[in-house]
Amino acid sequence: MTQRRRVVLLDLVGSTAVIGGALLFQYAGGLQPCELCLIERWPYYVSIPLLLLALASGLRRAMTAAILAMVLLLFLAGSAVAFYHVGVEQHWFAGPAACTSPATAAHTLEALKAQLMNQQPVRCDVVQWSLVGVSLAGWNLIASLALAGLSLSALRARGGRRRR
């Protein structure tokens, strides 16, 4: 198996595992995603069909390189969103107003009602689940960076072979 095929398959398996895990946590575990969690899924939703296209194309060199470059950019974007989400959870950054705790207290019953009606049921700034102190957003950051690194290494290795 060539390195190119191995990386495409590993990226595909990794992307599918991340999305499968997220959906399993949501539907089997009852862990509802917040607004940022849903945004973090998009790079995987886009990368999976692209990686399948690379496999279906017979892994043609130029097409696979282009797809790996697009997937690399998707994983880097996903890493940025996951880092932002971790920052929101840790209160390093202000999160989206719709899914973070209110900055000001309501002074009237009408203001409290309006605040509650405009807020998502699942807050982005609260860690719902963690493993060894790392939230799901943190694990997504790790997965996105690992998949980006894998894609980058394949692109660099391919580029190095062409120059020889």
N, C-alpha and C. Protein backbone atom coordinates (compact mmCIF):
# COMPACT_ATOMS: atom_id res chain seq x y z
N MET A 1 0.85 -1.17 0.00
CA MET A 1 0.00 0.00 0.00
C MET A 1 0.89 1.24 0.00
N THR A 2 0.60 2.17 -0.87
CA THR A 2 1.40 3.39 -0.96
C THR A 2 1.10 4.32 0.21
N GLN A 3 2.03 5.22 0.47
CA GLN A 3 1.83 6.18 1.56
C GLN A 3 0.61 7.06 1.28
N ARG A 4 0.43 7.43 0.03
CA ARG A 4 -0.70 8.26 -0.35
C ARG A 4 -2.02 7.56 -0.01
N ARG A 5 -2.13 6.31 -0.38
CA ARG A 5 -3.35 5.54 -0.09
C ARG A 5 -3.53 5.38 1.42
N ARG A 6 -2.44 5.12 2.12
CA ARG A 6 -2.50 4.94 3.57
C ARG A 6 -3.01 6.20 4.26
N VAL A 7 -2.52 7.36 3.84
CA VAL A 7 -2.94 8.63 4.45
C VAL A 7 -4.40 8.92 4.14
N VAL A 8 -4.82 8.70 2.91
CA VAL A 8 -6.22 8.92 2.56
C VAL A 8 -7.11 8.01 3.41
N LEU A 9 -6.73 6.74 3.55
CA LEU A 9 -7.52 5.82 4.36
C LEU A 9 -7.51 6.21 5.83
N LEU A 10 -6.34 6.61 6.37
CA LEU A 10 -6.27 7.02 7.77
C LEU A 10 -7.09 8.29 8.02
N ASP A 11 -7.01 9.25 7.10
CA ASP A 11 -7.83 10.46 7.23
C ASP A 11 -9.32 10.11 7.19
N LEU A 12 -9.68 9.20 6.29
CA LEU A 12 -11.08 8.79 6.16
C LEU A 12 -11.55 8.07 7.42
N VAL A 13 -10.75 7.13 7.91
CA VAL A 13 -11.12 6.41 9.13
C VAL A 13 -11.18 7.36 10.32
N GLY A 14 -10.20 8.27 10.43
CA GLY A 14 -10.20 9.23 11.52
C GLY A 14 -11.40 10.15 11.48
N SER A 15 -11.72 10.67 10.32
CA SER A 15 -12.88 11.57 10.17
C SER A 15 -14.17 10.84 10.50
N THR A 16 -14.29 9.63 9.99
CA THR A 16 -15.50 8.84 10.25
C THR A 16 -15.62 8.50 11.74
N ALA A 17 -14.49 8.20 12.37
CA ALA A 17 -14.50 7.87 13.80
C ALA A 17 -14.91 9.08 14.64
N VAL A 18 -14.41 10.25 14.28
CA VAL A 18 -14.76 11.46 15.04
C VAL A 18 -16.25 11.75 14.91
N ILE A 19 -16.75 11.74 13.69
CA ILE A 19 -18.19 12.00 13.48
C ILE A 19 -19.03 10.89 14.10
N GLY A 20 -18.60 9.66 13.92
CA GLY A 20 -19.34 8.55 14.52
C GLY A 20 -19.39 8.67 16.04
N GLY A 21 -18.26 9.04 16.64
CA GLY A 21 -18.22 9.24 18.09
C GLY A 21 -19.13 10.37 18.53
N ALA A 22 -19.10 11.48 17.79
CA ALA A 22 -19.95 12.62 18.14
C ALA A 22 -21.42 12.25 18.06
N LEU A 23 -21.79 11.55 17.00
CA LEU A 23 -23.19 11.14 16.84
C LEU A 23 -23.59 10.09 17.88
N LEU A 24 -22.66 9.22 18.24
CA LEU A 24 -22.93 8.23 19.28
C LEU A 24 -23.15 8.91 20.63
N PHE A 25 -22.27 9.88 20.96
CA PHE A 25 -22.47 10.64 22.19
C PHE A 25 -23.82 11.35 22.19
N GLN A 26 -24.21 11.88 21.02
CA GLN A 26 -25.46 12.62 20.93
C GLN A 26 -26.68 11.71 21.02
N TYR A 27 -26.73 10.68 20.18
CA TYR A 27 -27.96 9.89 20.08
C TYR A 27 -28.02 8.72 21.05
N ALA A 28 -26.90 8.10 21.37
CA ALA A 28 -26.92 6.99 22.32
C ALA A 28 -26.65 7.48 23.74
N GLY A 29 -25.82 8.51 23.86
CA GLY A 29 -25.46 9.00 25.18
C GLY A 29 -26.31 10.15 25.68
N GLY A 30 -27.12 10.74 24.80
CA GLY A 30 -27.98 11.84 25.20
C GLY A 30 -27.26 13.15 25.44
N LEU A 31 -26.05 13.29 24.93
CA LEU A 31 -25.26 14.51 25.11
C LEU A 31 -25.53 15.45 23.94
N GLN A 32 -26.37 16.44 24.15
CA GLN A 32 -26.77 17.34 23.07
C GLN A 32 -25.64 18.32 22.73
N PRO A 33 -25.38 18.54 21.45
CA PRO A 33 -24.30 19.45 21.05
C PRO A 33 -24.71 20.91 21.17
N CYS A 34 -23.73 21.74 21.46
CA CYS A 34 -23.97 23.18 21.46
C CYS A 34 -23.73 23.71 20.04
N GLU A 35 -23.90 25.01 19.87
CA GLU A 35 -23.73 25.64 18.56
C GLU A 35 -22.31 25.43 18.02
N LEU A 36 -21.30 25.58 18.87
CA LEU A 36 -19.92 25.40 18.43
C LEU A 36 -19.61 23.94 18.11
N CYS A 37 -20.20 23.02 18.86
CA CYS A 37 -20.00 21.59 18.58
C CYS A 37 -20.47 21.25 17.17
N LEU A 38 -21.62 21.81 16.79
CA LEU A 38 -22.16 21.55 15.46
C LEU A 38 -21.26 22.13 14.38
N ILE A 39 -20.71 23.31 14.62
CA ILE A 39 -19.79 23.92 13.65
C ILE A 39 -18.52 23.09 13.52
N GLU A 40 -18.05 22.53 14.63
CA GLU A 40 -16.82 21.70 14.60
C GLU A 40 -16.99 20.45 13.76
N ARG A 41 -18.18 20.01 13.53
CA ARG A 41 -18.42 18.80 12.74
C ARG A 41 -18.26 19.04 11.24
N TRP A 42 -18.48 20.26 10.78
CA TRP A 42 -18.49 20.53 9.34
C TRP A 42 -17.23 20.14 8.60
N PRO A 43 -16.03 20.39 9.13
CA PRO A 43 -14.84 19.94 8.38
C PRO A 43 -14.84 18.43 8.12
N TYR A 44 -15.36 17.66 9.05
CA TYR A 44 -15.42 16.21 8.85
C TYR A 44 -16.48 15.85 7.83
N TYR A 45 -17.63 16.53 7.90
CA TYR A 45 -18.70 16.26 6.93
C TYR A 45 -18.23 16.54 5.50
N VAL A 46 -17.38 17.53 5.32
CA VAL A 46 -16.88 17.86 3.99
C VAL A 46 -15.71 16.96 3.60
N SER A 47 -14.84 16.63 4.56
CA SER A 47 -13.66 15.82 4.23
C SER A 47 -14.01 14.38 3.87
N ILE A 48 -15.03 13.80 4.48
CA ILE A 48 -15.36 12.40 4.20
C ILE A 48 -15.69 12.18 2.73
N PRO A 49 -16.60 12.96 2.12
CA PRO A 49 -16.85 12.75 0.68
C PRO A 49 -15.62 13.05 -0.19
N LEU A 50 -14.83 14.05 0.21
CA LEU A 50 -13.62 14.34 -0.57
C LEU A 50 -12.65 13.15 -0.54
N LEU A 51 -12.46 12.56 0.62
CA LEU A 51 -11.57 11.41 0.74
C LEU A 51 -12.12 10.20 0.00
N LEU A 52 -13.43 10.02 0.03
CA LEU A 52 -14.04 8.95 -0.76
C LEU A 52 -13.83 9.19 -2.25
N LEU A 53 -13.91 10.45 -2.66
CA LEU A 53 -13.64 10.80 -4.06
C LEU A 53 -12.20 10.46 -4.44
N ALA A 54 -11.27 10.73 -3.53
CA ALA A 54 -9.86 10.39 -3.81
C ALA A 54 -9.71 8.88 -4.00
N LEU A 55 -10.38 8.10 -3.17
CA LEU A 55 -10.31 6.64 -3.32
C LEU A 55 -10.99 6.20 -4.61
N ALA A 56 -12.14 6.80 -4.93
CA ALA A 56 -12.88 6.43 -6.14
C ALA A 56 -12.13 6.80 -7.41
N SER A 57 -11.29 7.83 -7.32
CA SER A 57 -10.54 8.27 -8.50
C SER A 57 -9.36 7.37 -8.79
N GLY A 58 -9.16 6.37 -7.98
CA GLY A 58 -7.99 5.51 -8.17
C GLY A 58 -6.73 6.16 -7.65
N LEU A 59 -6.88 7.15 -6.81
CA LEU A 59 -5.76 7.86 -6.20
C LEU A 59 -4.80 8.44 -7.25
N ARG A 60 -5.38 9.10 -8.24
CA ARG A 60 -4.54 9.80 -9.22
C ARG A 60 -3.72 10.86 -8.49
N ARG A 61 -2.46 10.96 -8.85
CA ARG A 61 -1.50 11.79 -8.12
C ARG A 61 -1.97 13.24 -7.94
N ALA A 62 -2.33 13.92 -9.02
CA ALA A 62 -2.69 15.34 -8.92
C ALA A 62 -3.99 15.52 -8.15
N MET A 63 -4.96 14.66 -8.42
CA MET A 63 -6.24 14.79 -7.75
C MET A 63 -6.09 14.49 -6.25
N THR A 64 -5.33 13.47 -5.91
CA THR A 64 -5.14 13.13 -4.50
C THR A 64 -4.39 14.24 -3.78
N ALA A 65 -3.40 14.82 -4.42
CA ALA A 65 -2.67 15.94 -3.79
C ALA A 65 -3.60 17.12 -3.55
N ALA A 66 -4.46 17.41 -4.52
CA ALA A 66 -5.40 18.52 -4.36
C ALA A 66 -6.39 18.23 -3.23
N ILE A 67 -6.88 17.00 -3.17
CA ILE A 67 -7.83 16.63 -2.12
C ILE A 67 -7.14 16.66 -0.76
N LEU A 68 -5.92 16.14 -0.67
CA LEU A 68 -5.19 16.18 0.61
C LEU A 68 -4.94 17.63 1.05
N ALA A 69 -4.68 18.51 0.10
CA ALA A 69 -4.49 19.93 0.45
C ALA A 69 -5.79 20.54 0.97
N MET A 70 -6.92 20.21 0.31
CA MET A 70 -8.21 20.72 0.78
C MET A 70 -8.55 20.16 2.16
N VAL A 71 -8.29 18.88 2.35
CA VAL A 71 -8.57 18.24 3.63
C VAL A 71 -7.67 18.84 4.72
N LEU A 72 -6.43 19.12 4.39
CA LEU A 72 -5.52 19.77 5.33
C LEU A 72 -6.10 21.11 5.78
N LEU A 73 -6.57 21.90 4.84
CA LEU A 73 -7.17 23.20 5.18
C LEU A 73 -8.43 23.03 6.03
N LEU A 74 -9.23 22.02 5.71
CA LEU A 74 -10.44 21.75 6.51
C LEU A 74 -10.07 21.39 7.95
N PHE A 75 -9.06 20.53 8.11
CA PHE A 75 -8.66 20.12 9.46
C PHE A 75 -8.02 21.29 10.22
N LEU A 76 -7.31 22.15 9.53
CA LEU A 76 -6.75 23.34 10.20
C LEU A 76 -7.88 24.28 10.64
N ALA A 77 -8.87 24.45 9.78
CA ALA A 77 -10.03 25.28 10.16
C ALA A 77 -10.76 24.65 11.33
N GLY A 78 -10.93 23.32 11.29
CA GLY A 78 -11.56 22.62 12.40
C GLY A 78 -10.77 22.77 13.69
N SER A 79 -9.45 22.76 13.58
CA SER A 79 -8.60 22.96 14.75
C SER A 79 -8.80 24.35 15.34
N ALA A 80 -8.92 25.33 14.47
CA ALA A 80 -9.13 26.71 14.94
C ALA A 80 -10.46 26.84 15.68
N VAL A 81 -11.51 26.25 15.13
CA VAL A 81 -12.82 26.31 15.79
C VAL A 81 -12.79 25.54 17.11
N ALA A 82 -12.13 24.39 17.12
CA ALA A 82 -12.04 23.59 18.35
C ALA A 82 -11.23 24.35 19.41
N PHE A 83 -10.15 25.02 19.00
CA PHE A 83 -9.36 25.81 19.95
C PHE A 83 -10.21 26.94 20.53
N TYR A 84 -10.96 27.60 19.67
CA TYR A 84 -11.87 28.66 20.12
C TYR A 84 -12.88 28.10 21.12
N HIS A 85 -13.44 26.92 20.82
CA HIS A 85 -14.43 26.31 21.70
C HIS A 85 -13.80 25.96 23.06
N VAL A 86 -12.60 25.42 23.04
CA VAL A 86 -11.90 25.14 24.30
C VAL A 86 -11.69 26.45 25.07
N GLY A 87 -11.32 27.50 24.36
CA GLY A 87 -11.14 28.81 25.00
C GLY A 87 -12.42 29.35 25.60
N VAL A 88 -13.54 29.11 24.92
CA VAL A 88 -14.84 29.54 25.45
C VAL A 88 -15.16 28.73 26.70
N GLU A 89 -14.90 27.42 26.65
CA GLU A 89 -15.15 26.57 27.83
C GLU A 89 -14.30 26.99 29.03
N GLN A 90 -13.08 27.40 28.75
CA GLN A 90 -12.16 27.79 29.82
C GLN A 90 -12.29 29.27 30.17
N HIS A 91 -13.19 29.97 29.48
CA HIS A 91 -13.45 31.40 29.68
C HIS A 91 -12.23 32.27 29.34
N TRP A 92 -11.45 31.80 28.35
CA TRP A 92 -10.36 32.62 27.80
C TRP A 92 -10.92 33.61 26.79
N PHE A 93 -11.98 33.18 26.06
CA PHE A 93 -12.61 33.99 25.03
C PHE A 93 -14.10 34.11 25.34
N ALA A 94 -14.69 35.18 24.83
CA ALA A 94 -16.14 35.31 24.90
C ALA A 94 -16.73 34.43 23.80
N GLY A 95 -17.74 33.68 24.12
CA GLY A 95 -18.36 32.81 23.14
C GLY A 95 -19.52 33.48 22.45
N PRO A 96 -20.17 32.77 21.54
CA PRO A 96 -21.35 33.32 20.89
C PRO A 96 -22.41 33.67 21.94
N ALA A 97 -23.03 34.81 21.78
CA ALA A 97 -24.01 35.28 22.77
C ALA A 97 -25.17 34.30 22.95
N ALA A 98 -25.53 33.59 21.91
CA ALA A 98 -26.68 32.71 21.98
C ALA A 98 -26.43 31.46 22.83
N CYS A 99 -25.16 31.10 23.03
CA CYS A 99 -24.93 29.85 23.75
C CYS A 99 -23.91 29.97 24.89
N THR A 100 -23.74 31.14 25.42
CA THR A 100 -22.89 31.31 26.60
C THR A 100 -23.70 31.95 27.71
N SER A 101 -23.14 31.91 28.89
CA SER A 101 -23.88 32.47 30.02
C SER A 101 -24.02 33.98 29.84
N PRO A 102 -25.11 34.53 30.30
CA PRO A 102 -25.34 35.96 30.12
C PRO A 102 -24.31 36.79 30.89
N ALA A 103 -23.91 37.90 30.29
CA ALA A 103 -22.91 38.76 30.90
C ALA A 103 -23.52 39.65 31.97
N THR A 104 -24.80 39.95 31.82
CA THR A 104 -25.46 40.81 32.79
C THR A 104 -26.69 40.12 33.34
N ALA A 105 -27.03 40.47 34.54
CA ALA A 105 -28.22 39.91 35.16
C ALA A 105 -29.45 40.70 34.72
N ALA A 106 -30.54 40.01 34.60
CA ALA A 106 -31.79 40.67 34.22
C ALA A 106 -32.36 41.38 35.44
N HIS A 107 -32.85 42.61 35.23
CA HIS A 107 -33.39 43.40 36.33
C HIS A 107 -34.91 43.35 36.41
N THR A 108 -35.54 42.82 35.36
CA THR A 108 -37.00 42.70 35.37
C THR A 108 -37.37 41.30 34.91
N LEU A 109 -38.58 40.94 35.18
CA LEU A 109 -39.07 39.63 34.77
C LEU A 109 -39.09 39.53 33.24
N GLU A 110 -39.46 40.60 32.57
CA GLU A 110 -39.49 40.60 31.10
C GLU A 110 -38.08 40.44 30.53
N ALA A 111 -37.11 41.11 31.14
CA ALA A 111 -35.72 41.00 30.68
C ALA A 111 -35.20 39.58 30.89
N LEU A 112 -35.53 38.96 32.01
CA LEU A 112 -35.13 37.58 32.27
C LEU A 112 -35.76 36.64 31.25
N LYS A 113 -37.04 36.84 30.97
CA LYS A 113 -37.73 36.01 29.98
C LYS A 113 -37.08 36.15 28.61
N ALA A 114 -36.76 37.38 28.21
CA ALA A 114 -36.11 37.61 26.91
C ALA A 114 -34.75 36.95 26.88
N GLN A 115 -33.99 37.03 27.97
CA GLN A 115 -32.68 36.39 28.05
C GLN A 115 -32.80 34.89 27.88
N LEU A 116 -33.74 34.30 28.59
CA LEU A 116 -33.92 32.85 28.52
C LEU A 116 -34.39 32.40 27.15
N MET A 117 -35.24 33.16 26.50
CA MET A 117 -35.76 32.81 25.18
C MET A 117 -34.69 32.90 24.10
N ASN A 118 -33.70 33.78 24.28
CA ASN A 118 -32.65 33.97 23.29
C ASN A 118 -31.44 33.07 23.51
N GLN A 119 -31.44 32.28 24.56
CA GLN A 119 -30.29 31.45 24.87
C GLN A 119 -30.54 30.01 24.42
N GLN A 120 -29.51 29.39 23.84
CA GLN A 120 -29.58 28.00 23.44
C GLN A 120 -29.74 27.11 24.68
N PRO A 121 -30.41 25.98 24.54
CA PRO A 121 -30.56 25.10 25.69
C PRO A 121 -29.23 24.48 26.13
N VAL A 122 -28.28 24.33 25.22
CA VAL A 122 -26.97 23.77 25.54
C VAL A 122 -25.96 24.89 25.42
N ARG A 123 -25.27 25.17 26.52
CA ARG A 123 -24.33 26.29 26.53
C ARG A 123 -22.96 25.86 26.05
N CYS A 124 -22.31 26.75 25.30
CA CYS A 124 -20.98 26.50 24.75
C CYS A 124 -19.88 26.67 25.80
N ASP A 125 -20.16 27.40 26.85
CA ASP A 125 -19.12 27.71 27.82
C ASP A 125 -19.11 26.77 29.03
N VAL A 126 -19.86 25.68 28.93
CA VAL A 126 -19.92 24.70 30.01
C VAL A 126 -19.47 23.35 29.45
N VAL A 127 -18.48 22.74 30.09
CA VAL A 127 -18.02 21.41 29.67
C VAL A 127 -19.06 20.40 30.12
N GLN A 128 -19.64 19.70 29.14
CA GLN A 128 -20.67 18.71 29.46
C GLN A 128 -20.07 17.36 29.81
N TRP A 129 -18.92 17.04 29.24
CA TRP A 129 -18.30 15.73 29.45
C TRP A 129 -16.80 15.89 29.22
N SER A 130 -16.01 15.18 30.00
CA SER A 130 -14.56 15.21 29.79
C SER A 130 -13.96 13.86 30.14
N LEU A 131 -12.82 13.61 29.58
CA LEU A 131 -12.04 12.40 29.85
C LEU A 131 -10.64 12.85 30.20
N VAL A 132 -10.17 12.45 31.35
CA VAL A 132 -8.88 12.87 31.92
C VAL A 132 -8.70 14.39 31.88
N GLY A 133 -9.79 15.09 32.15
CA GLY A 133 -9.75 16.54 32.22
C GLY A 133 -9.80 17.26 30.88
N VAL A 134 -9.98 16.52 29.80
CA VAL A 134 -10.05 17.12 28.46
C VAL A 134 -11.48 16.99 27.96
N SER A 135 -12.07 18.13 27.57
CA SER A 135 -13.45 18.14 27.08
C SER A 135 -13.52 17.54 25.68
N LEU A 136 -14.74 17.33 25.21
CA LEU A 136 -14.91 16.85 23.83
C LEU A 136 -14.33 17.83 22.82
N ALA A 137 -14.46 19.13 23.08
CA ALA A 137 -13.85 20.12 22.19
C ALA A 137 -12.33 19.97 22.20
N GLY A 138 -11.76 19.69 23.35
CA GLY A 138 -10.31 19.46 23.45
C GLY A 138 -9.89 18.22 22.68
N TRP A 139 -10.66 17.14 22.80
CA TRP A 139 -10.35 15.92 22.04
C TRP A 139 -10.51 16.17 20.55
N ASN A 140 -11.49 16.98 20.17
CA ASN A 140 -11.65 17.31 18.76
C ASN A 140 -10.45 18.12 18.26
N LEU A 141 -9.95 19.03 19.09
CA LEU A 141 -8.75 19.79 18.72
C LEU A 141 -7.58 18.84 18.48
N ILE A 142 -7.40 17.88 19.36
CA ILE A 142 -6.31 16.91 19.20
C ILE A 142 -6.49 16.09 17.92
N ALA A 143 -7.71 15.62 17.67
CA ALA A 143 -7.98 14.83 16.47
C ALA A 143 -7.77 15.66 15.21
N SER A 144 -8.25 16.89 15.20
CA SER A 144 -8.10 17.76 14.02
C SER A 144 -6.63 18.04 13.73
N LEU A 145 -5.87 18.32 14.77
CA LEU A 145 -4.43 18.58 14.58
C LEU A 145 -3.70 17.32 14.10
N ALA A 146 -4.07 16.17 14.64
CA ALA A 146 -3.43 14.92 14.21
C ALA A 146 -3.73 14.63 12.74
N LEU A 147 -4.98 14.80 12.34
CA LEU A 147 -5.34 14.55 10.94
C LEU A 147 -4.71 15.59 10.01
N ALA A 148 -4.62 16.83 10.47
CA ALA A 148 -3.95 17.86 9.67
C ALA A 148 -2.47 17.51 9.52
N GLY A 149 -1.84 17.08 10.60
CA GLY A 149 -0.44 16.69 10.53
C GLY A 149 -0.21 15.52 9.60
N LEU A 150 -1.11 14.57 9.64
CA LEU A 150 -1.01 13.41 8.75
C LEU A 150 -1.11 13.84 7.29
N SER A 151 -2.08 14.69 6.99
CA SER A 151 -2.25 15.18 5.61
C SER A 151 -1.03 15.99 5.16
N LEU A 152 -0.53 16.84 6.05
CA LEU A 152 0.64 17.65 5.72
C LEU A 152 1.86 16.78 5.46
N SER A 153 2.06 15.76 6.28
CA SER A 153 3.22 14.89 6.09
C SER A 153 3.15 14.18 4.74
N ALA A 154 1.96 13.77 4.33
CA ALA A 154 1.81 13.11 3.03
C ALA A 154 2.09 14.09 1.90
N LEU A 155 1.62 15.32 2.03
CA LEU A 155 1.88 16.32 0.99
C LEU A 155 3.36 16.66 0.90
N ARG A 156 4.02 16.78 2.04
CA ARG A 156 5.46 17.10 2.05
C ARG A 156 6.28 15.95 1.51
N ALA A 157 5.92 14.74 1.87
CA ALA A 157 6.66 13.57 1.38
C ALA A 157 6.51 13.43 -0.12
N ARG A 158 5.30 13.67 -0.61
CA ARG A 158 5.07 13.59 -2.06
C ARG A 158 5.86 14.66 -2.78
N GLY A 159 5.89 15.88 -2.21
CA GLY A 159 6.64 16.97 -2.83
C GLY A 159 8.12 16.68 -2.84
N GLY A 160 8.62 16.08 -1.77
CA GLY A 160 10.05 15.75 -1.70
C GLY A 160 10.45 14.71 -2.71
N ARG A 161 9.57 13.75 -3.00
CA ARG A 161 9.89 12.72 -3.99
C ARG A 161 9.94 13.28 -5.39
N ARG A 162 9.08 14.26 -5.67
CA ARG A 162 9.07 14.83 -7.03
C ARG A 162 10.33 15.61 -7.33
N ARG A 163 10.95 16.23 -6.31
CA ARG A 163 12.13 17.05 -6.55
C ARG A 163 13.38 16.23 -6.81
N ARG A 164 13.41 14.98 -6.40
CA ARG A 164 14.61 14.16 -6.56
C ARG A 164 14.90 13.79 -7.97
